[in-house]
Amino acid sequence: MITVTKMGEAEHDGAFRVLREHGHPVYLLLLIKTPAYFETQGREALTPPDVAVLFRPGQRHCYRAAEERYADCWMHFSASALPLFEGFPFGVPVPMRGKERFYGLFHTVCDEFYGNRRNRTPVIDHLVSALLEMLSSEIELRDALFYPMLALREEIFRLPANRWTVPAAAGQLGVSCGYFHLLYKKYFDTTFLADVVRARIQNAQELLLATRESVERIAERCGYLNTEHFIRQFRQQTGTTPARYRRSLQE
């Protein structure tokens, strides 16, 4: 039987950070809507939006906002058994390909939890079990290249200034460029090049906030050989220029 003790949705500013050395006494499920930094296996990595993380009771939590806003759906629950396969990666962010299904089912559980229907307890048990089954399936259905591809994606967001190219990335995984494109889209519902741009612009936003370096130097530090190209992509991602973005932060 799965018993939910608390659940809800949360939104915080860019200073948000969680560090719980001994976690919670119950399971914690997070459906994270925004980019965030997560520590897994002793290393912090930038994760994209729309990932799910399940922590065991007593497992260390360490995560923080990656942008000016952090938002998630969260649930605390206890369980005598979980519908997960042996070796499920607790504490590891898992991309939700069908994110609408996850958020929709979470909101259904929330409605039942805060309602007062006659069969509330068994209904919640079945709904949360279904949610966990979906999460488990997101991993079980991946083939042998999923985890190497996930490690590559984490590296892109950790080292955005690298000279990322499709031929080099495909060669690293030992697949053709065409198959690499197909797998990347299948796993993450975006493209390799879109992730490279997103990672570089996020890094640029952090540097504009934390340093007084010129736009040209920041473009270089983020992997751009051409400042105009950097400014153009920054405007496409944020709706403003780097200089205006910095001024808005200062104001």
Protein backbone atom coordinates (compact mmCIF):
# COMPACT_ATOMS: atom_id res chain seq x y z
CA MET A 1 0.00 0.00 0.00
CA ILE A 2 1.25 3.47 -0.92
CA THR A 3 0.28 6.26 1.47
CA VAL A 4 0.83 9.90 0.51
CA THR A 5 1.66 12.10 3.51
CA LYS A 6 2.18 15.47 1.78
CA MET A 7 2.19 16.80 -1.75
CA GLY A 8 1.86 19.98 -3.74
CA GLU A 9 3.49 22.36 -6.20
CA ALA A 10 6.22 24.87 -5.43
CA GLU A 11 7.88 27.84 -7.08
CA HIS A 12 11.00 29.65 -5.86
CA ASP A 13 13.43 32.32 -7.02
CA GLY A 14 16.97 31.79 -8.28
CA ALA A 15 18.43 31.60 -4.76
CA PHE A 16 16.54 28.37 -4.03
CA ARG A 17 18.73 25.52 -2.74
CA VAL A 18 18.06 22.26 -0.90
CA LEU A 19 20.64 20.29 1.06
CA ARG A 20 19.35 17.51 3.30
CA GLU A 21 22.17 15.22 4.35
CA HIS A 22 19.78 12.53 5.58
CA GLY A 23 16.86 13.22 3.26
CA HIS A 24 13.31 12.58 4.46
CA PRO A 25 12.02 9.64 6.51
CA VAL A 26 9.75 8.75 3.57
CA TYR A 27 10.05 8.64 -0.24
CA LEU A 28 10.26 11.96 -2.12
CA LEU A 29 9.13 12.25 -5.74
CA LEU A 30 9.94 15.43 -7.68
CA LEU A 31 8.64 16.39 -11.12
CA ILE A 32 10.86 19.35 -11.98
CA LYS A 33 9.53 21.89 -14.46
CA THR A 34 12.61 24.13 -14.79
CA PRO A 35 16.35 23.62 -15.32
CA ALA A 36 18.14 22.76 -12.07
CA TYR A 37 21.47 21.63 -10.71
CA PHE A 38 21.36 18.14 -9.16
CA GLU A 39 24.05 16.27 -7.33
CA THR A 40 24.25 12.62 -8.33
CA GLN A 41 27.05 10.27 -7.30
CA GLY A 42 28.93 13.16 -5.70
CA ARG A 43 28.92 15.37 -8.81
CA GLU A 44 26.70 18.34 -9.59
CA ALA A 45 25.22 18.52 -13.09
CA LEU A 46 22.79 20.82 -14.83
CA THR A 47 19.57 19.04 -15.73
CA PRO A 48 17.06 20.25 -18.34
CA PRO A 49 13.41 20.96 -17.49
CA ASP A 50 10.81 18.21 -17.19
CA VAL A 51 12.76 15.53 -15.34
CA ALA A 52 11.59 13.28 -12.50
CA VAL A 53 13.64 12.27 -9.47
CA LEU A 54 12.70 9.69 -6.84
CA PHE A 55 14.60 9.63 -3.53
CA ARG A 56 14.63 6.76 -1.06
CA PRO A 57 13.86 7.39 2.62
CA GLY A 58 17.01 8.76 4.23
CA GLN A 59 18.76 9.44 0.89
CA ARG A 60 20.77 12.68 0.64
CA HIS A 61 19.14 15.52 -1.34
CA CYS A 62 21.25 18.23 -2.95
CA TYR A 63 19.77 20.41 -5.70
CA ARG A 64 19.31 24.08 -6.56
CA ALA A 65 17.81 26.49 -9.06
CA ALA A 66 19.67 27.00 -12.34
CA GLU A 67 17.82 30.10 -13.48
CA GLU A 68 15.83 32.96 -11.97
CA ARG A 69 12.93 30.60 -11.28
CA TYR A 70 12.62 27.07 -9.94
CA ALA A 71 9.34 25.12 -10.05
CA ASP A 72 8.38 21.55 -9.27
CA CYS A 73 5.63 19.16 -8.21
CA TRP A 74 6.56 17.24 -5.06
CA MET A 75 5.17 14.29 -3.15
CA HIS A 76 6.11 12.57 0.14
CA PHE A 77 4.85 9.01 0.52
CA SER A 78 5.48 5.77 2.35
CA ALA A 79 5.15 2.34 0.79
CA SER A 80 5.51 -1.30 1.74
CA ALA A 81 6.63 -2.07 -1.83
CA LEU A 82 7.17 -0.10 -5.05
CA PRO A 83 6.33 -1.11 -8.63
CA LEU A 84 9.91 -0.49 -9.80
CA PHE A 85 12.42 -2.80 -11.43
CA GLU A 86 15.46 -4.02 -9.50
CA GLY A 87 18.27 -1.51 -9.83
CA PHE A 88 16.03 1.53 -10.31
CA PRO A 89 18.30 4.64 -10.13
CA PHE A 90 17.08 6.47 -7.03
CA GLY A 91 18.21 10.09 -6.85
CA VAL A 92 18.99 10.27 -10.59
CA PRO A 93 17.06 12.73 -12.82
CA VAL A 94 15.04 10.89 -15.48
CA PRO A 95 13.74 12.83 -18.52
CA MET A 96 9.96 12.61 -18.90
CA ARG A 97 9.27 12.14 -22.59
CA GLY A 98 5.50 12.22 -22.04
CA LYS A 99 5.64 15.09 -19.57
CA GLU A 100 1.96 15.99 -19.97
CA ARG A 101 0.99 12.48 -18.80
CA PHE A 102 3.15 12.79 -15.70
CA TYR A 103 1.90 16.25 -14.73
CA GLY A 104 -1.71 15.29 -15.51
CA LEU A 105 -1.58 12.17 -13.34
CA PHE A 106 0.15 14.08 -10.54
CA HIS A 107 -2.67 16.65 -10.51
CA THR A 108 -5.24 13.83 -10.40
CA VAL A 109 -3.49 12.38 -7.34
CA CYS A 110 -3.45 15.87 -5.81
CA ASP A 111 -7.21 16.25 -6.34
CA GLU A 112 -7.82 12.92 -4.62
CA PHE A 113 -5.41 13.69 -1.77
CA TYR A 114 -7.07 16.99 -0.89
CA GLY A 115 -10.58 15.73 -1.58
CA ASN A 116 -12.77 13.72 0.77
CA ARG A 117 -14.10 10.96 -1.45
CA ARG A 118 -15.24 7.66 -0.01
CA ASN A 119 -12.55 5.49 -1.69
CA ARG A 120 -9.78 8.06 -1.38
CA THR A 121 -7.10 5.76 0.12
CA PRO A 122 -7.21 2.87 -2.40
CA VAL A 123 -7.64 5.30 -5.32
CA ILE A 124 -4.49 7.20 -4.31
CA ASP A 125 -2.63 3.91 -3.94
CA HIS A 126 -3.53 2.90 -7.50
CA LEU A 127 -2.83 6.34 -8.97
CA VAL A 128 0.62 6.71 -7.37
CA SER A 129 1.45 3.13 -8.38
CA ALA A 130 0.58 4.06 -11.97
CA LEU A 131 2.75 7.18 -11.75
CA LEU A 132 5.72 5.12 -10.55
CA GLU A 133 5.10 2.51 -13.23
CA MET A 134 5.30 5.28 -15.83
CA LEU A 135 8.57 6.49 -14.34
CA SER A 136 9.99 2.99 -14.31
CA SER A 137 8.96 2.49 -17.93
CA GLU A 138 10.79 5.65 -18.97
CA ILE A 139 13.99 3.85 -18.03
CA GLU A 140 13.15 0.23 -18.87
CA LEU A 141 12.18 1.13 -22.45
CA ARG A 142 15.54 2.79 -23.12
CA ASP A 143 18.11 0.78 -25.00
CA ALA A 144 21.79 0.37 -24.19
CA LEU A 145 22.68 3.82 -25.55
CA PHE A 146 20.38 5.77 -23.24
CA TYR A 147 22.76 6.16 -20.31
CA PRO A 148 25.80 7.05 -22.47
CA MET A 149 23.58 9.59 -24.24
CA LEU A 150 22.34 10.96 -20.91
CA ALA A 151 25.96 11.31 -19.72
CA LEU A 152 26.77 13.18 -22.93
CA ARG A 153 23.85 15.53 -22.38
CA GLU A 154 24.96 16.22 -18.80
CA GLU A 155 28.43 17.01 -20.13
CA ILE A 156 26.99 19.51 -22.62
CA PHE A 157 25.31 21.46 -19.83
CA ARG A 158 28.39 21.17 -17.58
CA LEU A 159 30.90 22.20 -20.28
CA PRO A 160 28.94 24.27 -22.82
CA ALA A 161 32.05 26.04 -24.18
CA ASN A 162 33.44 22.81 -25.64
CA ARG A 163 33.52 22.57 -29.43
CA TRP A 164 30.40 20.43 -29.65
CA THR A 165 29.72 18.90 -33.07
CA VAL A 166 27.39 16.13 -34.18
CA PRO A 167 30.15 14.07 -35.87
CA ALA A 168 32.31 14.16 -32.72
CA ALA A 169 29.39 13.33 -30.41
CA ALA A 170 28.16 10.52 -32.66
CA GLY A 171 31.71 9.16 -32.90
CA GLN A 172 31.97 9.20 -29.11
CA LEU A 173 28.95 6.87 -28.97
CA GLY A 174 30.00 4.82 -31.96
CA VAL A 175 26.93 5.55 -34.10
CA SER A 176 26.27 7.35 -37.37
CA CYS A 177 25.28 11.04 -37.41
CA GLY A 178 21.81 10.21 -38.69
CA TYR A 179 21.18 7.62 -35.99
CA PHE A 180 22.58 9.99 -33.37
CA HIS A 181 20.05 12.68 -34.38
CA LEU A 182 17.24 10.12 -34.24
CA LEU A 183 18.19 8.83 -30.79
CA TYR A 184 18.72 12.28 -29.29
CA LYS A 185 15.27 13.41 -30.38
CA LYS A 186 13.71 10.15 -29.18
CA TYR A 187 15.29 10.32 -25.72
CA PHE A 188 15.05 14.03 -24.94
CA ASP A 189 12.36 15.43 -27.26
CA THR A 190 14.78 18.07 -28.54
CA THR A 191 17.83 18.23 -30.78
CA PHE A 192 21.52 18.02 -29.93
CA LEU A 193 22.22 21.49 -31.37
CA ALA A 194 19.26 23.03 -29.51
CA ASP A 195 20.68 21.69 -26.24
CA VAL A 196 24.14 23.10 -27.05
CA VAL A 197 22.63 26.54 -27.66
CA ARG A 198 20.48 26.34 -24.52
CA ALA A 199 23.46 25.31 -22.39
CA ARG A 200 25.64 28.12 -23.76
CA ILE A 201 23.00 30.80 -23.26
CA GLN A 202 22.32 29.64 -19.70
CA ASN A 203 26.06 29.85 -19.02
CA ALA A 204 26.13 33.33 -20.55
CA GLN A 205 23.28 34.46 -18.30
CA GLU A 206 25.23 33.30 -15.25
CA LEU A 207 28.39 35.12 -16.40
CA LEU A 208 26.48 38.32 -17.15
CA LEU A 209 25.14 38.21 -13.61
CA ALA A 210 28.31 37.15 -11.81
CA THR A 211 31.06 39.03 -13.71
CA ARG A 212 31.83 42.39 -15.30
CA GLU A 213 33.44 40.85 -18.35
CA SER A 214 32.62 42.26 -21.75
CA VAL A 215 30.00 40.70 -23.99
CA GLU A 216 32.78 39.70 -26.37
CA ARG A 217 34.71 37.87 -23.63
CA ILE A 218 31.56 36.14 -22.38
CA ALA A 219 30.75 35.02 -25.91
CA GLU A 220 34.23 33.52 -26.14
CA ARG A 221 33.94 31.79 -22.76
CA CYS A 222 30.64 30.25 -23.84
CA GLY A 223 32.13 28.70 -26.97
CA TYR A 224 31.27 31.32 -29.59
CA LEU A 225 33.82 32.35 -32.21
CA ASN A 226 31.60 35.18 -33.44
CA THR A 227 30.10 37.76 -31.05
CA GLU A 228 27.30 38.74 -33.44
CA HIS A 229 26.24 35.11 -33.68
CA PHE A 230 26.23 34.92 -29.87
CA ILE A 231 24.09 38.06 -29.56
CA ARG A 232 21.65 36.76 -32.17
CA GLN A 233 21.22 33.40 -30.39
CA PHE A 234 20.98 35.11 -26.99
CA ARG A 235 18.14 37.29 -28.27
CA GLN A 236 16.37 34.27 -29.78
CA GLN A 237 16.54 32.41 -26.44
CA THR A 238 15.78 35.27 -24.03
CA GLY A 239 14.00 37.95 -26.07
CA THR A 240 16.68 40.55 -25.31
CA THR A 241 20.36 41.29 -25.91
CA PRO A 242 23.16 40.42 -23.47
CA ALA A 243 23.76 44.09 -22.66
CA ARG A 244 20.09 44.76 -21.95
CA TYR A 245 19.85 41.55 -19.92
CA ARG A 246 22.75 42.69 -17.74
CA ARG A 247 21.26 46.17 -17.28
CA SER A 248 17.91 44.70 -16.26
CA LEU A 249 19.65 42.63 -13.58
CA GLN A 250 21.55 45.65 -12.30
CA GLU A 251 18.37 47.73 -12.14
